[in-house]
């Protein structure tokens, strides 16, 4: 019994150490956001600033149109997340519950695209969007993120866990495929939906390369491109960068806290089902 308790103590100590280690970068970002720019990289590092400059949080809204960037990021992220949830859930239901010729091969071919890096098809994709006239538009970015092989794979894992007997019973009661999807299968896949929501929201919100390549107008830029505006040709105001980064992190934290319960269930279940 003592050996077991000792083992648990060591496990808790190790987990606590890892948690603190993971929190250090966030703490450094937070305290750097209330320092003077010259003190951000001071040696030795000041873990507790001698003076707090909260005016940094006011200055970031005055130096650049940060509110516009927040609105753009929110618009892109919310619309893209909703569309990707819809496309992923519909496609996953077809691959999990419908019977048609070549289903498994088509699913395997589609999921294999996850292994293809975006940099491989970045140039032809840009050329295609240019011919469609969707460069420097939010519509173009939304279309690029509208479909996700990872999302289809994730949701299919949850749909496979729903017993066929439930679907058959629903058909006997007169429900069609759309009714079974909406009333039976989808409510049982809440952990998967929450997991996909978090992944999609974080990926789109933090996306830098996509907006950098496709957006040229200042009024269309996102928060990630806006933070870059604090970096000039010869210098960078790291204190303001950290303050803006803290503000940009808030929506992600809110989404994660709201979906945390389902997210933990989803990550655990997606690795063992199907």
C-alpha atoms as a PDB file:
ATOM      1  CA  UNK A   1       0.000   0.000   0.000  1.00  0.00           C
ATOM      2  CA  UNK A   2       2.838   2.373   0.840  1.00  0.00           C
ATOM      3  CA  UNK A   3       4.530   1.650  -2.476  1.00  0.00           C
ATOM      4  CA  UNK A   4       1.295   2.464  -4.295  1.00  0.00           C
ATOM      5  CA  UNK A   5       0.917   5.757  -2.420  1.00  0.00           C
ATOM      6  CA  UNK A   6       4.527   6.621  -3.125  1.00  0.00           C
ATOM      7  CA  UNK A   7       3.950   5.944  -6.806  1.00  0.00           C
ATOM      8  CA  UNK A   8       0.927   8.254  -6.856  1.00  0.00           C
ATOM      9  CA  UNK A   9       2.917  10.984  -5.112  1.00  0.00           C
ATOM     10  CA  UNK A  10       5.636  10.809  -7.760  1.00  0.00           C
ATOM     11  CA  UNK A  11       3.020  10.868 -10.526  1.00  0.00           C
ATOM     12  CA  UNK A  12       1.351  13.958  -9.059  1.00  0.00           C
ATOM     13  CA  UNK A  13       4.728  15.680  -8.614  1.00  0.00           C
ATOM     14  CA  UNK A  14       5.633  14.912 -12.230  1.00  0.00           C
ATOM     15  CA  UNK A  15       2.272  16.143 -13.540  1.00  0.00           C
ATOM     16  CA  UNK A  16       2.515  19.310 -11.444  1.00  0.00           C
ATOM     17  CA  UNK A  17       5.996  19.979 -12.805  1.00  0.00           C
ATOM     18  CA  UNK A  18       4.790  19.507 -16.388  1.00  0.00           C
ATOM     19  CA  UNK A  19       1.786  21.775 -15.763  1.00  0.00           C
ATOM     20  CA  UNK A  20       4.024  24.535 -14.395  1.00  0.00           C
ATOM     21  CA  UNK A  21       6.424  24.060 -17.304  1.00  0.00           C
ATOM     22  CA  UNK A  22       3.574  24.448 -19.791  1.00  0.00           C
ATOM     23  CA  UNK A  23       2.292  27.554 -17.977  1.00  0.00           C
ATOM     24  CA  UNK A  24       5.653  29.386 -17.971  1.00  0.00           C
ATOM     25  CA  UNK A  25       5.394  30.719 -21.601  1.00  0.00           C
ATOM     26  CA  UNK A  26       1.893  32.035 -20.913  1.00  0.00           C
ATOM     27  CA  UNK A  27       3.050  33.708 -17.696  1.00  0.00           C
ATOM     28  CA  UNK A  28       6.003  35.251 -19.551  1.00  0.00           C
ATOM     29  CA  UNK A  29       3.648  36.596 -22.218  1.00  0.00           C
ATOM     30  CA  UNK A  30       1.334  38.037 -19.549  1.00  0.00           C
ATOM     31  CA  UNK A  31       4.026  39.848 -17.560  1.00  0.00           C
ATOM     32  CA  UNK A  32       5.769  41.041 -20.732  1.00  0.00           C
ATOM     33  CA  UNK A  33       2.529  42.697 -21.806  1.00  0.00           C
ATOM     34  CA  UNK A  34       2.746  45.087 -18.827  1.00  0.00           C
ATOM     35  CA  UNK A  35       6.448  45.918 -19.153  1.00  0.00           C
ATOM     36  CA  UNK A  36       8.295  48.583 -21.064  1.00  0.00           C
ATOM     37  CA  UNK A  37       9.626  47.349 -24.390  1.00  0.00           C
ATOM     38  CA  UNK A  38      13.242  47.626 -23.194  1.00  0.00           C
ATOM     39  CA  UNK A  39      12.494  45.385 -20.200  1.00  0.00           C
ATOM     40  CA  UNK A  40      10.891  42.456 -22.073  1.00  0.00           C
ATOM     41  CA  UNK A  41      14.223  40.734 -22.805  1.00  0.00           C
ATOM     42  CA  UNK A  42      16.170  42.120 -19.877  1.00  0.00           C
ATOM     43  CA  UNK A  43      18.865  39.898 -18.346  1.00  0.00           C
ATOM     44  CA  UNK A  44      18.373  38.611 -15.706  1.00  0.00           C
ATOM     45  CA  UNK A  45      14.705  38.230 -16.454  1.00  0.00           C
ATOM     46  CA  UNK A  46      12.226  39.987 -14.161  1.00  0.00           C
ATOM     47  CA  UNK A  47       9.601  37.419 -13.249  1.00  0.00           C
ATOM     48  CA  UNK A  48       7.752  40.121 -11.299  1.00  0.00           C
ATOM     49  CA  UNK A  49       7.978  43.559 -12.962  1.00  0.00           C
ATOM     50  CA  UNK A  50       9.054  46.486 -10.794  1.00  0.00           C
ATOM     51  CA  UNK A  51       6.322  48.594 -12.399  1.00  0.00           C
ATOM     52  CA  UNK A  52       3.211  47.608 -14.324  1.00  0.00           C
ATOM     53  CA  UNK A  53       2.371  49.479 -17.511  1.00  0.00           C
ATOM     54  CA  UNK A  54      -1.256  48.676 -18.183  1.00  0.00           C
ATOM     55  CA  UNK A  55      -1.356  51.534 -20.657  1.00  0.00           C
ATOM     56  CA  UNK A  56       0.052  49.021 -23.155  1.00  0.00           C
ATOM     57  CA  UNK A  57      -3.450  47.550 -23.436  1.00  0.00           C
ATOM     58  CA  UNK A  58      -4.845  50.957 -24.297  1.00  0.00           C
ATOM     59  CA  UNK A  59      -2.088  51.753 -26.759  1.00  0.00           C
ATOM     60  CA  UNK A  60      -2.598  48.639 -28.894  1.00  0.00           C
ATOM     61  CA  UNK A  61      -6.133  49.781 -29.773  1.00  0.00           C
ATOM     62  CA  UNK A  62      -4.875  53.243 -30.731  1.00  0.00           C
ATOM     63  CA  UNK A  63      -1.814  52.333 -32.813  1.00  0.00           C
ATOM     64  CA  UNK A  64      -3.575  49.879 -35.145  1.00  0.00           C
ATOM     65  CA  UNK A  65      -7.264  49.182 -36.027  1.00  0.00           C
ATOM     66  CA  UNK A  66      -7.326  46.198 -33.684  1.00  0.00           C
ATOM     67  CA  UNK A  67     -11.117  46.207 -33.337  1.00  0.00           C
ATOM     68  CA  UNK A  68     -11.473  45.780 -37.110  1.00  0.00           C
ATOM     69  CA  UNK A  69      -9.010  42.899 -37.036  1.00  0.00           C
ATOM     70  CA  UNK A  70     -10.957  41.242 -34.203  1.00  0.00           C
ATOM     71  CA  UNK A  71     -14.202  41.571 -36.145  1.00  0.00           C
ATOM     72  CA  UNK A  72     -12.593  40.051 -39.249  1.00  0.00           C
ATOM     73  CA  UNK A  73     -11.110  37.134 -37.293  1.00  0.00           C
ATOM     74  CA  UNK A  74     -14.420  36.518 -35.535  1.00  0.00           C
ATOM     75  CA  UNK A  75     -16.330  36.596 -38.827  1.00  0.00           C
ATOM     76  CA  UNK A  76     -13.952  34.195 -40.561  1.00  0.00           C
ATOM     77  CA  UNK A  77     -13.676  31.843 -37.591  1.00  0.00           C
ATOM     78  CA  UNK A  78     -17.386  31.586 -36.762  1.00  0.00           C
ATOM     79  CA  UNK A  79     -18.538  31.134 -40.375  1.00  0.00           C
ATOM     80  CA  UNK A  80     -15.770  28.660 -41.196  1.00  0.00           C
ATOM     81  CA  UNK A  81     -16.387  26.630 -38.031  1.00  0.00           C
ATOM     82  CA  UNK A  82     -20.118  26.351 -38.751  1.00  0.00           C
ATOM     83  CA  UNK A  83     -19.561  25.354 -42.389  1.00  0.00           C
ATOM     84  CA  UNK A  84     -16.833  22.858 -41.541  1.00  0.00           C
ATOM     85  CA  UNK A  85     -18.993  21.268 -38.836  1.00  0.00           C
ATOM     86  CA  UNK A  86     -21.832  20.889 -41.331  1.00  0.00           C
ATOM     87  CA  UNK A  87     -19.717  19.436 -44.152  1.00  0.00           C
ATOM     88  CA  UNK A  88     -17.762  17.132 -41.852  1.00  0.00           C
ATOM     89  CA  UNK A  89     -20.856  15.770 -40.105  1.00  0.00           C
ATOM     90  CA  UNK A  90     -22.767  15.136 -43.340  1.00  0.00           C
ATOM     91  CA  UNK A  91     -19.803  13.451 -45.028  1.00  0.00           C
ATOM     92  CA  UNK A  92     -18.951  11.425 -41.927  1.00  0.00           C
ATOM     93  CA  UNK A  93     -22.548  10.171 -41.663  1.00  0.00           C
ATOM     94  CA  UNK A  94     -22.394   8.989 -45.265  1.00  0.00           C
ATOM     95  CA  UNK A  95     -19.116   7.140 -44.707  1.00  0.00           C
ATOM     96  CA  UNK A  96     -20.258   5.640 -41.386  1.00  0.00           C
ATOM     97  CA  UNK A  97     -23.910   4.754 -41.904  1.00  0.00           C
ATOM     98  CA  UNK A  98     -24.622   4.623 -45.633  1.00  0.00           C
ATOM     99  CA  UNK A  99     -23.858   1.665 -47.884  1.00  0.00           C
ATOM    100  CA  UNK A 100     -22.592   2.439 -51.395  1.00  0.00           C
ATOM    101  CA  UNK A 101     -20.044   1.017 -53.799  1.00  0.00           C
ATOM    102  CA  UNK A 102     -16.456   2.123 -53.193  1.00  0.00           C
ATOM    103  CA  UNK A 103     -17.280   3.725 -49.853  1.00  0.00           C
ATOM    104  CA  UNK A 104     -14.250   2.447 -47.953  1.00  0.00           C
ATOM    105  CA  UNK A 105     -11.840   3.191 -50.785  1.00  0.00           C
ATOM    106  CA  UNK A 106     -13.196   6.711 -51.198  1.00  0.00           C
ATOM    107  CA  UNK A 107     -12.932   7.347 -47.460  1.00  0.00           C
ATOM    108  CA  UNK A 108      -9.360   6.040 -47.362  1.00  0.00           C
ATOM    109  CA  UNK A 109      -8.376   8.194 -50.332  1.00  0.00           C
ATOM    110  CA  UNK A 110      -9.967  11.264 -48.761  1.00  0.00           C
ATOM    111  CA  UNK A 111      -8.393  10.758 -45.337  1.00  0.00           C
ATOM    112  CA  UNK A 112      -4.987  10.150 -46.924  1.00  0.00           C
ATOM    113  CA  UNK A 113      -4.981  13.802 -47.984  1.00  0.00           C
ATOM    114  CA  UNK A 114      -4.305  14.671 -44.334  1.00  0.00           C
ATOM    115  CA  UNK A 115      -0.721  13.531 -44.912  1.00  0.00           C
ATOM    116  CA  UNK A 116      -0.226  16.021 -47.768  1.00  0.00           C
ATOM    117  CA  UNK A 117       1.325  19.273 -46.437  1.00  0.00           C
ATOM    118  CA  UNK A 118      -0.416  22.494 -47.387  1.00  0.00           C
ATOM    119  CA  UNK A 119       2.865  23.844 -48.791  1.00  0.00           C
ATOM    120  CA  UNK A 120       2.713  21.200 -51.549  1.00  0.00           C
ATOM    121  CA  UNK A 121      -0.442  22.577 -53.158  1.00  0.00           C
ATOM    122  CA  UNK A 122      -0.210  26.167 -51.870  1.00  0.00           C
ATOM    123  CA  UNK A 123       0.873  27.661 -55.222  1.00  0.00           C
ATOM    124  CA  UNK A 124      -1.676  25.875 -57.480  1.00  0.00           C
ATOM    125  CA  UNK A 125      -4.354  26.662 -54.911  1.00  0.00           C
ATOM    126  CA  UNK A 126      -3.445  30.346 -55.001  1.00  0.00           C
ATOM    127  CA  UNK A 127      -3.502  30.283 -58.819  1.00  0.00           C
ATOM    128  CA  UNK A 128      -6.938  28.681 -58.798  1.00  0.00           C
ATOM    129  CA  UNK A 129      -8.339  31.221 -56.322  1.00  0.00           C
ATOM    130  CA  UNK A 130      -6.866  34.044 -58.423  1.00  0.00           C
ATOM    131  CA  UNK A 131      -8.695  32.783 -61.530  1.00  0.00           C
ATOM    132  CA  UNK A 132     -11.922  32.644 -59.501  1.00  0.00           C
ATOM    133  CA  UNK A 133     -11.355  36.258 -58.441  1.00  0.00           C
ATOM    134  CA  UNK A 134     -11.397  35.335 -54.748  1.00  0.00           C
ATOM    135  CA  UNK A 135      -8.051  36.800 -53.738  1.00  0.00           C
ATOM    136  CA  UNK A 136      -8.245  39.565 -51.152  1.00  0.00           C
ATOM    137  CA  UNK A 137     -11.703  38.402 -50.049  1.00  0.00           C
ATOM    138  CA  UNK A 138     -13.001  36.664 -46.958  1.00  0.00           C
ATOM    139  CA  UNK A 139     -15.046  34.319 -49.145  1.00  0.00           C
ATOM    140  CA  UNK A 140     -11.868  32.816 -50.571  1.00  0.00           C
ATOM    141  CA  UNK A 141     -10.451  32.048 -47.120  1.00  0.00           C
ATOM    142  CA  UNK A 142     -13.751  30.590 -45.961  1.00  0.00           C
ATOM    143  CA  UNK A 143     -13.882  28.272 -48.984  1.00  0.00           C
ATOM    144  CA  UNK A 144     -10.328  27.080 -48.346  1.00  0.00           C
ATOM    145  CA  UNK A 145     -11.291  25.921 -44.842  1.00  0.00           C
ATOM    146  CA  UNK A 146     -14.825  24.735 -45.619  1.00  0.00           C
ATOM    147  CA  UNK A 147     -13.862  21.064 -45.951  1.00  0.00           C
ATOM    148  CA  UNK A 148     -11.676  19.049 -43.601  1.00  0.00           C
ATOM    149  CA  UNK A 149     -10.515  15.458 -44.036  1.00  0.00           C
ATOM    150  CA  UNK A 150      -9.561  15.410 -40.357  1.00  0.00           C
ATOM    151  CA  UNK A 151     -13.050  16.573 -39.400  1.00  0.00           C
ATOM    152  CA  UNK A 152     -14.656  13.821 -41.471  1.00  0.00           C
ATOM    153  CA  UNK A 153     -12.368  11.216 -39.933  1.00  0.00           C
ATOM    154  CA  UNK A 154     -13.047  12.456 -36.392  1.00  0.00           C
ATOM    155  CA  UNK A 155     -16.832  12.558 -36.751  1.00  0.00           C
ATOM    156  CA  UNK A 156     -16.928   9.195 -38.507  1.00  0.00           C
ATOM    157  CA  UNK A 157     -15.313   7.644 -35.433  1.00  0.00           C
ATOM    158  CA  UNK A 158     -18.190   8.862 -33.281  1.00  0.00           C
ATOM    159  CA  UNK A 159     -20.907   7.949 -35.745  1.00  0.00           C
ATOM    160  CA  UNK A 160     -19.558   4.396 -35.940  1.00  0.00           C
ATOM    161  CA  UNK A 161     -20.055   4.084 -32.193  1.00  0.00           C
ATOM    162  CA  UNK A 162     -23.811   4.675 -32.541  1.00  0.00           C
ATOM    163  CA  UNK A 163     -25.532   1.250 -32.607  1.00  0.00           C
ATOM    164  CA  UNK A 164     -27.219   0.337 -35.886  1.00  0.00           C
ATOM    165  CA  UNK A 165     -30.242  -0.799 -33.905  1.00  0.00           C
ATOM    166  CA  UNK A 166     -31.070   2.828 -33.076  1.00  0.00           C
ATOM    167  CA  UNK A 167     -31.068   3.803 -36.744  1.00  0.00           C
ATOM    168  CA  UNK A 168     -33.159   0.789 -37.691  1.00  0.00           C
ATOM    169  CA  UNK A 169     -35.679   1.556 -34.948  1.00  0.00           C
ATOM    170  CA  UNK A 170     -35.912   5.139 -36.195  1.00  0.00           C
ATOM    171  CA  UNK A 171     -36.551   3.924 -39.751  1.00  0.00           C
ATOM    172  CA  UNK A 172     -39.365   1.675 -38.497  1.00  0.00           C
ATOM    173  CA  UNK A 173     -40.874   4.753 -36.810  1.00  0.00           C
ATOM    174  CA  UNK A 174     -40.891   6.516 -40.180  1.00  0.00           C
ATOM    175  CA  UNK A 175     -37.794   8.715 -40.005  1.00  0.00           C
ATOM    176  CA  UNK A 176     -35.787   9.292 -43.164  1.00  0.00           C
ATOM    177  CA  UNK A 177     -32.013   9.533 -43.344  1.00  0.00           C
ATOM    178  CA  UNK A 178     -31.986  13.250 -42.571  1.00  0.00           C
ATOM    179  CA  UNK A 179     -34.256  12.669 -39.587  1.00  0.00           C
ATOM    180  CA  UNK A 180     -32.065   9.852 -38.277  1.00  0.00           C
ATOM    181  CA  UNK A 181     -29.003  12.040 -38.749  1.00  0.00           C
ATOM    182  CA  UNK A 182     -30.487  15.048 -36.944  1.00  0.00           C
ATOM    183  CA  UNK A 183     -32.506  13.343 -34.186  1.00  0.00           C
ATOM    184  CA  UNK A 184     -30.579  10.156 -33.429  1.00  0.00           C
ATOM    185  CA  UNK A 185     -26.950  10.183 -34.543  1.00  0.00           C
ATOM    186  CA  UNK A 186     -25.997  13.843 -34.140  1.00  0.00           C
ATOM    187  CA  UNK A 187     -27.143  14.254 -30.497  1.00  0.00           C
ATOM    188  CA  UNK A 188     -25.062  11.213 -29.514  1.00  0.00           C
ATOM    189  CA  UNK A 189     -21.936  12.744 -31.065  1.00  0.00           C
ATOM    190  CA  UNK A 190     -21.752  15.898 -28.918  1.00  0.00           C
ATOM    191  CA  UNK A 191     -18.189  15.128 -27.701  1.00  0.00           C
ATOM    192  CA  UNK A 192     -17.031  14.847 -31.301  1.00  0.00           C
ATOM    193  CA  UNK A 193     -18.777  18.073 -32.291  1.00  0.00           C
ATOM    194  CA  UNK A 194     -17.196  19.914 -29.350  1.00  0.00           C
ATOM    195  CA  UNK A 195     -13.764  18.509 -30.211  1.00  0.00           C
ATOM    196  CA  UNK A 196     -14.042  19.496 -33.861  1.00  0.00           C
ATOM    197  CA  UNK A 197     -15.344  22.936 -32.867  1.00  0.00           C
ATOM    198  CA  UNK A 198     -12.270  23.589 -30.717  1.00  0.00           C
ATOM    199  CA  UNK A 199      -9.807  22.322 -33.331  1.00  0.00           C
ATOM    200  CA  UNK A 200     -11.436  24.299 -36.136  1.00  0.00           C
ATOM    201  CA  UNK A 201     -11.845  27.475 -34.103  1.00  0.00           C
ATOM    202  CA  UNK A 202      -8.243  27.461 -32.904  1.00  0.00           C
ATOM    203  CA  UNK A 203      -6.806  26.633 -36.346  1.00  0.00           C
ATOM    204  CA  UNK A 204      -8.749  29.336 -38.174  1.00  0.00           C
ATOM    205  CA  UNK A 205      -8.330  31.958 -35.442  1.00  0.00           C
ATOM    206  CA  UNK A 206      -4.551  31.409 -35.275  1.00  0.00           C
ATOM    207  CA  UNK A 207      -4.068  31.038 -39.026  1.00  0.00           C
ATOM    208  CA  UNK A 208      -1.332  33.372 -40.233  1.00  0.00           C
ATOM    209  CA  UNK A 209      -0.133  32.081 -43.604  1.00  0.00           C
ATOM    210  CA  UNK A 210      -3.565  31.941 -45.220  1.00  0.00           C
ATOM    211  CA  UNK A 211      -4.542  35.570 -44.511  1.00  0.00           C
ATOM    212  CA  UNK A 212      -0.971  36.705 -45.243  1.00  0.00           C
ATOM    213  CA  UNK A 213      -1.127  35.192 -48.749  1.00  0.00           C
ATOM    214  CA  UNK A 214      -4.715  36.032 -49.687  1.00  0.00           C
ATOM    215  CA  UNK A 215      -5.499  39.325 -47.909  1.00  0.00           C
ATOM    216  CA  UNK A 216      -3.925  42.614 -48.993  1.00  0.00           C
ATOM    217  CA  UNK A 217      -6.364  45.265 -47.776  1.00  0.00           C
ATOM    218  CA  UNK A 218      -5.934  46.489 -44.201  1.00  0.00           C
ATOM    219  CA  UNK A 219      -9.693  46.505 -43.597  1.00  0.00           C
ATOM    220  CA  UNK A 220      -9.825  42.755 -44.380  1.00  0.00           C
ATOM    221  CA  UNK A 221      -6.856  41.610 -42.298  1.00  0.00           C
ATOM    222  CA  UNK A 222      -7.158  39.358 -39.244  1.00  0.00           C
ATOM    223  CA  UNK A 223      -5.833  39.710 -35.715  1.00  0.00           C
ATOM    224  CA  UNK A 224      -2.762  37.613 -36.463  1.00  0.00           C
ATOM    225  CA  UNK A 225      -1.747  39.938 -39.291  1.00  0.00           C
ATOM    226  CA  UNK A 226      -2.586  42.905 -37.090  1.00  0.00           C
ATOM    227  CA  UNK A 227      -0.141  41.797 -34.390  1.00  0.00           C
ATOM    228  CA  UNK A 228       2.555  41.690 -37.059  1.00  0.00           C
ATOM    229  CA  UNK A 229       2.046  45.412 -37.642  1.00  0.00           C
ATOM    230  CA  UNK A 230       3.886  46.122 -34.381  1.00  0.00           C
ATOM    231  CA  UNK A 231       7.039  44.860 -36.117  1.00  0.00           C
ATOM    232  CA  UNK A 232       8.664  47.541 -38.244  1.00  0.00           C
ATOM    233  CA  UNK A 233      11.647  47.297 -40.595  1.00  0.00           C
ATOM    234  CA  UNK A 234      14.195  48.138 -37.923  1.00  0.00           C
ATOM    235  CA  UNK A 235      12.523  47.397 -34.591  1.00  0.00           C
ATOM    236  CA  UNK A 236       9.686  45.592 -32.873  1.00  0.00           C
ATOM    237  CA  UNK A 237       7.594  46.693 -29.907  1.00  0.00           C
ATOM    238  CA  UNK A 238       7.453  43.377 -28.072  1.00  0.00           C
ATOM    239  CA  UNK A 239       5.518  44.739 -25.109  1.00  0.00           C
ATOM    240  CA  UNK A 240       2.648  45.747 -27.400  1.00  0.00           C
ATOM    241  CA  UNK A 241       2.951  42.455 -29.282  1.00  0.00           C
ATOM    242  CA  UNK A 242       2.501  40.564 -26.018  1.00  0.00           C
ATOM    243  CA  UNK A 243      -0.447  42.747 -24.988  1.00  0.00           C
ATOM    244  CA  UNK A 244      -2.154  42.136 -28.332  1.00  0.00           C
ATOM    245  CA  UNK A 245      -1.372  38.406 -28.073  1.00  0.00           C
ATOM    246  CA  UNK A 246      -3.042  38.242 -24.658  1.00  0.00           C
ATOM    247  CA  UNK A 247      -6.164  39.878 -26.119  1.00  0.00           C
ATOM    248  CA  UNK A 248      -6.084  37.487 -29.093  1.00  0.00           C
ATOM    249  CA  UNK A 249      -5.858  34.501 -26.748  1.00  0.00           C
ATOM    250  CA  UNK A 250      -9.030  35.344 -24.810  1.00  0.00           C
ATOM    251  CA  UNK A 251     -11.589  33.998 -27.362  1.00  0.00           C
ATOM    252  CA  UNK A 252      -9.646  30.724 -27.683  1.00  0.00           C
ATOM    253  CA  UNK A 253      -9.602  30.281 -23.905  1.00  0.00           C
ATOM    254  CA  UNK A 254     -13.339  30.984 -23.694  1.00  0.00           C
ATOM    255  CA  UNK A 255     -14.147  28.412 -26.390  1.00  0.00           C
ATOM    256  CA  UNK A 256     -11.913  25.801 -24.757  1.00  0.00           C
ATOM    257  CA  UNK A 257     -13.437  26.326 -21.293  1.00  0.00           C
ATOM    258  CA  UNK A 258     -16.968  26.150 -22.735  1.00  0.00           C
ATOM    259  CA  UNK A 259     -16.246  22.869 -24.546  1.00  0.00           C
ATOM    260  CA  UNK A 260     -13.673  21.389 -22.153  1.00  0.00           C
ATOM    261  CA  UNK A 261     -15.873  18.620 -20.767  1.00  0.00           C
ATOM    262  CA  UNK A 262     -16.887  17.332 -24.192  1.00  0.00           C
ATOM    263  CA  UNK A 263     -13.377  17.922 -25.566  1.00  0.00           C
ATOM    264  CA  UNK A 264     -11.780  15.539 -23.031  1.00  0.00           C
ATOM    265  CA  UNK A 265     -14.439  12.916 -23.766  1.00  0.00           C
ATOM    266  CA  UNK A 266     -13.963  13.408 -27.497  1.00  0.00           C
ATOM    267  CA  UNK A 267     -10.183  13.018 -27.489  1.00  0.00           C
ATOM    268  CA  UNK A 268     -10.437   9.864 -25.386  1.00  0.00           C
ATOM    269  CA  UNK A 269     -13.206   8.329 -27.457  1.00  0.00           C
ATOM    270  CA  UNK A 270     -11.819   9.154 -30.896  1.00  0.00           C
ATOM    271  CA  UNK A 271      -8.722   7.102 -30.181  1.00  0.00           C
ATOM    272  CA  UNK A 272     -10.520   3.886 -29.269  1.00  0.00           C
ATOM    273  CA  UNK A 273     -13.651   3.743 -31.408  1.00  0.00           C
ATOM    274  CA  UNK A 274     -13.874   2.419 -34.917  1.00  0.00           C
END
